Amino acid sequence: FHDMFMFPLPAEDHEERRVVELTESGQTMELLLQFCYPQEDPVIKELQALHRVLQACDKYQMDTITKKVAKRLSEFSRKMPLRVFCVAYHAKLATEARQAAFDLLRGPESDLLDPRIPELHLLTIPMFAELLRYYRRCVAAATSTVSLVKPQWYYNKDWITNDHSCWFSCDNCDSETGFKQLRIRKRAVVYPRQWWVTIMNTVGEKLADSPLSPSALDDL
């Protein structure tokens, strides 16, 4: 704050003590200074208030306090990942932005397209486009791991290591007839049972809606 008193004051200001008017609200400055005091950090329950504190940290070049405040973004990331991503991106907080982008995968793509997000204006158009591409690439990667929907001669599922599992070798279950074969690790060829293919496709549909869906295995 030392340099603030080097700015010229209005000509009509003749008081002995120099007074500098701040653009931040009293609440923002109080929270900011509480992070500086040798005491327990303040509780911030609103993301907008946290964002204002981050902006004040940047304005007054308080890098150490910025790191402390940035850690609090994780408290909001699970419930409002897009809003946290916008704030983290605007504040140039790469670690927090990556975590928020990851948390976005827990919800549907429609969450990214909600125009009511108040912090959305903090993103540039290229950054928003890249975030949307990231989400869709993750959807494609998640669904391709399990999905067996596309008709083709064979499917590669290298993550499967055991070709003697019941979903391949059970003699009491019907085999899937929609495709010829399934190649697993070490290029072993198996013929999965119908019920296993149904489960895999059901999980694939849920992952297409939300690639980190905690309910992908519900109701199976």
Protein backbone atom coordinates (compact mmCIF):
# COMPACT_ATOMS: atom_id res chain seq x y z
CA PHE A 1 0.00 0.00 0.00
CA HIS A 2 3.01 2.30 0.28
CA ASP A 3 2.88 3.54 -3.31
CA MET A 4 -0.75 4.60 -2.96
CA PHE A 5 0.31 7.74 -1.10
CA MET A 6 2.51 8.81 -4.00
CA PHE A 7 -0.49 9.56 -6.21
CA PRO A 8 -1.47 13.26 -6.43
CA LEU A 9 -4.46 14.25 -4.32
CA PRO A 10 -7.28 16.59 -5.35
CA ALA A 11 -6.33 20.28 -5.12
CA GLU A 12 -9.10 20.99 -2.62
CA ASP A 13 -7.77 18.36 -0.19
CA HIS A 14 -5.95 20.32 2.52
CA GLU A 15 -6.24 17.84 5.39
CA GLU A 16 -3.08 17.00 7.30
CA ARG A 17 -3.63 13.29 6.86
CA ARG A 18 -3.65 12.07 3.32
CA VAL A 19 -6.78 10.15 2.41
CA VAL A 20 -6.91 7.76 -0.54
CA GLU A 21 -10.31 6.59 -1.73
CA LEU A 22 -10.45 2.88 -2.59
CA THR A 23 -12.66 1.35 -5.25
CA GLU A 24 -13.11 -1.86 -3.24
CA SER A 25 -15.98 -2.22 -0.81
CA GLY A 26 -15.43 -2.28 2.92
CA GLN A 27 -16.34 -5.98 3.03
CA THR A 28 -13.71 -6.85 0.41
CA MET A 29 -10.97 -4.89 2.19
CA GLU A 30 -11.92 -6.43 5.54
CA LEU A 31 -11.65 -9.95 4.12
CA LEU A 32 -8.39 -9.10 2.40
CA LEU A 33 -6.81 -7.75 5.57
CA GLN A 34 -8.05 -10.72 7.60
CA PHE A 35 -5.97 -12.96 5.33
CA CYS A 36 -2.97 -10.82 6.27
CA TYR A 37 -3.47 -10.98 10.03
CA PRO A 38 -1.76 -13.72 12.09
CA GLN A 39 -5.06 -15.42 12.82
CA GLU A 40 -7.37 -18.00 11.30
CA ASP A 41 -8.37 -17.12 7.74
CA PRO A 42 -11.90 -15.78 7.28
CA VAL A 43 -14.79 -17.92 6.09
CA ILE A 44 -16.08 -16.90 2.65
CA LYS A 45 -19.40 -18.44 1.70
CA GLU A 46 -19.94 -16.73 -1.67
CA LEU A 47 -17.83 -17.18 -4.77
CA GLN A 48 -18.38 -13.59 -5.87
CA ALA A 49 -16.92 -12.32 -2.59
CA LEU A 50 -13.91 -14.59 -3.04
CA HIS A 51 -13.44 -13.30 -6.58
CA ARG A 52 -13.45 -9.70 -5.37
CA VAL A 53 -10.75 -10.55 -2.84
CA LEU A 54 -8.66 -12.14 -5.59
CA GLN A 55 -9.03 -9.01 -7.69
CA ALA A 56 -7.87 -6.89 -4.76
CA CYS A 57 -4.86 -9.19 -4.27
CA ASP A 58 -3.90 -8.67 -7.88
CA LYS A 59 -4.39 -4.91 -7.69
CA TYR A 60 -2.23 -4.52 -4.60
CA GLN A 61 0.31 -7.13 -5.77
CA MET A 62 -0.19 -9.38 -2.75
CA ASP A 63 1.10 -12.62 -4.27
CA THR A 64 1.39 -14.52 -0.97
CA ILE A 65 -2.22 -13.73 -0.06
CA THR A 66 -3.32 -14.68 -3.58
CA LYS A 67 -2.03 -18.22 -2.99
CA LYS A 68 -3.97 -18.47 0.26
CA VAL A 69 -7.19 -17.18 -1.28
CA ALA A 70 -6.81 -19.37 -4.38
CA LYS A 71 -6.86 -22.52 -2.25
CA ARG A 72 -10.37 -21.61 -1.15
CA LEU A 73 -11.67 -21.98 -4.71
CA SER A 74 -11.66 -25.76 -4.26
CA GLU A 75 -14.50 -25.35 -1.75
CA PHE A 76 -16.77 -24.20 -4.58
CA SER A 77 -15.42 -26.28 -7.46
CA ARG A 78 -17.61 -29.38 -7.02
CA LYS A 79 -20.89 -27.44 -6.85
CA MET A 80 -20.18 -24.68 -9.37
CA PRO A 81 -17.23 -25.79 -11.53
CA LEU A 82 -17.88 -23.50 -14.49
CA ARG A 83 -18.06 -20.42 -12.29
CA VAL A 84 -14.85 -21.43 -10.53
CA PHE A 85 -13.15 -22.06 -13.87
CA CYS A 86 -14.08 -18.58 -15.05
CA VAL A 87 -12.70 -16.97 -11.88
CA ALA A 88 -9.53 -19.08 -11.91
CA TYR A 89 -8.90 -18.37 -15.59
CA HIS A 90 -9.41 -14.63 -15.08
CA ALA A 91 -7.04 -14.69 -12.08
CA LYS A 92 -4.47 -16.77 -14.04
CA LEU A 93 -4.63 -19.62 -11.53
CA ALA A 94 -3.72 -22.61 -13.69
CA THR A 95 -3.96 -25.33 -11.02
CA GLU A 96 -7.39 -24.23 -9.85
CA ALA A 97 -8.62 -23.84 -13.43
CA ARG A 98 -7.55 -27.40 -14.29
CA GLN A 99 -9.34 -28.80 -11.24
CA ALA A 100 -12.52 -26.90 -12.10
CA ALA A 101 -12.37 -28.16 -15.70
CA PHE A 102 -12.07 -31.71 -14.34
CA ASP A 103 -15.03 -31.17 -12.02
CA LEU A 104 -17.10 -30.03 -15.01
CA LEU A 105 -17.00 -33.63 -16.22
CA ARG A 106 -19.29 -34.63 -13.35
CA GLY A 107 -22.24 -32.87 -15.00
CA PRO A 108 -23.88 -32.73 -18.43
CA GLU A 109 -22.66 -30.58 -21.31
CA SER A 110 -25.68 -28.34 -20.86
CA ASP A 111 -24.03 -26.95 -17.71
CA LEU A 112 -21.38 -25.38 -19.93
CA LEU A 113 -23.98 -23.74 -22.13
CA ASP A 114 -25.95 -22.02 -19.38
CA PRO A 115 -26.02 -18.27 -20.23
CA ARG A 116 -27.06 -17.41 -16.69
CA ILE A 117 -23.56 -18.00 -15.29
CA PRO A 118 -22.60 -14.54 -13.94
CA GLU A 119 -18.84 -15.03 -14.43
CA LEU A 120 -19.10 -16.26 -18.01
CA HIS A 121 -17.99 -12.89 -19.38
CA LEU A 122 -14.56 -13.49 -17.79
CA LEU A 123 -13.76 -16.09 -20.47
CA THR A 124 -12.57 -15.24 -23.94
CA ILE A 125 -14.38 -16.91 -26.85
CA PRO A 126 -11.31 -19.02 -27.77
CA MET A 127 -10.97 -20.18 -24.15
CA PHE A 128 -14.64 -21.15 -23.95
CA ALA A 129 -14.33 -23.05 -27.24
CA GLU A 130 -11.28 -24.91 -25.92
CA LEU A 131 -13.12 -25.80 -22.71
CA LEU A 132 -16.02 -27.20 -24.73
CA ARG A 133 -13.62 -29.22 -26.91
CA TYR A 134 -11.95 -30.59 -23.77
CA TYR A 135 -15.32 -31.72 -22.40
CA ARG A 136 -16.28 -33.42 -25.65
CA ARG A 137 -12.91 -35.16 -25.97
CA CYS A 138 -13.37 -36.55 -22.46
CA VAL A 139 -16.87 -37.76 -23.35
CA ALA A 140 -15.48 -39.54 -26.42
CA ALA A 141 -12.68 -41.13 -24.40
CA ALA A 142 -15.02 -42.31 -21.62
CA THR A 143 -17.67 -43.77 -23.91
CA SER A 144 -15.20 -45.48 -26.23
CA THR A 145 -13.83 -47.39 -23.23
CA VAL A 146 -17.06 -49.32 -22.70
CA SER A 147 -19.43 -48.69 -25.59
CA LEU A 148 -20.18 -51.54 -28.01
CA VAL A 149 -22.89 -49.79 -29.98
CA LYS A 150 -21.32 -49.21 -33.40
CA PRO A 151 -21.76 -52.21 -35.74
CA GLN A 152 -18.36 -53.51 -36.80
CA TRP A 153 -16.47 -56.79 -37.10
CA TYR A 154 -14.57 -56.45 -33.83
CA TYR A 155 -13.90 -54.11 -30.90
CA ASN A 156 -10.59 -53.40 -29.19
CA LYS A 157 -10.83 -53.27 -25.38
CA ASP A 158 -7.22 -53.39 -24.19
CA TRP A 159 -8.22 -52.64 -20.60
CA ILE A 160 -9.73 -56.13 -20.26
CA THR A 161 -7.05 -58.56 -19.09
CA ASN A 162 -8.95 -61.75 -18.24
CA ASP A 163 -10.51 -63.74 -21.08
CA HIS A 164 -11.98 -66.36 -18.70
CA SER A 165 -14.42 -64.04 -16.93
CA CYS A 166 -18.05 -65.12 -16.69
CA TRP A 167 -19.15 -62.48 -19.18
CA PHE A 168 -17.11 -64.28 -21.81
CA SER A 169 -17.15 -67.93 -20.79
CA CYS A 170 -20.53 -68.57 -19.17
CA ASP A 171 -22.19 -71.46 -21.04
CA ASN A 172 -25.62 -70.72 -19.59
CA CYS A 173 -25.85 -67.21 -21.08
CA ASP A 174 -26.61 -66.23 -24.66
CA SER A 175 -23.80 -64.74 -26.74
CA GLU A 176 -24.12 -61.32 -28.33
CA THR A 177 -24.86 -61.73 -32.03
CA GLY A 178 -24.63 -58.08 -33.08
CA PHE A 179 -20.90 -58.25 -33.84
CA LYS A 180 -18.32 -60.91 -34.57
CA GLN A 181 -15.67 -60.67 -31.84
CA LEU A 182 -14.06 -58.68 -29.07
CA ARG A 183 -10.29 -58.28 -28.89
CA ILE A 184 -8.88 -57.69 -25.43
CA ARG A 185 -5.33 -57.30 -24.09
CA LYS A 186 -2.66 -59.46 -25.76
CA ARG A 187 -5.01 -59.63 -28.77
CA ALA A 188 -7.04 -62.45 -27.31
CA VAL A 189 -10.39 -62.92 -29.04
CA VAL A 190 -13.54 -63.50 -26.98
CA TYR A 191 -17.28 -63.59 -27.58
CA PRO A 192 -19.10 -61.69 -24.80
CA ARG A 193 -22.47 -62.62 -23.36
CA GLN A 194 -25.55 -60.60 -24.28
CA TRP A 195 -26.16 -59.27 -20.74
CA TRP A 196 -22.59 -57.94 -20.50
CA VAL A 197 -22.91 -56.05 -23.80
CA THR A 198 -26.19 -54.54 -22.59
CA ILE A 199 -24.55 -53.33 -19.38
CA MET A 200 -21.58 -51.85 -21.23
CA ASN A 201 -23.82 -49.94 -23.61
CA THR A 202 -25.97 -48.66 -20.75
CA VAL A 203 -22.89 -47.37 -18.92
CA GLY A 204 -21.69 -45.83 -22.17
CA GLU A 205 -24.95 -43.91 -22.54
CA LYS A 206 -24.62 -42.50 -19.03
CA LEU A 207 -21.00 -41.52 -19.60
CA ALA A 208 -22.02 -39.75 -22.80
CA ASP A 209 -24.25 -37.51 -20.68
CA SER A 210 -21.67 -37.05 -17.93
CA PRO A 211 -18.17 -38.57 -18.34
CA LEU A 212 -17.51 -38.62 -14.59
CA SER A 213 -21.05 -39.45 -13.60
CA PRO A 214 -21.17 -40.97 -10.09
CA SER A 215 -24.39 -42.74 -11.12
CA ALA A 216 -22.99 -44.54 -14.18
CA LEU A 217 -23.44 -47.92 -12.48
CA ASP A 218 -26.76 -47.17 -10.77
CA ASP A 219 -29.82 -49.24 -11.65
CA LEU A 220 -27.78 -51.92 -13.41
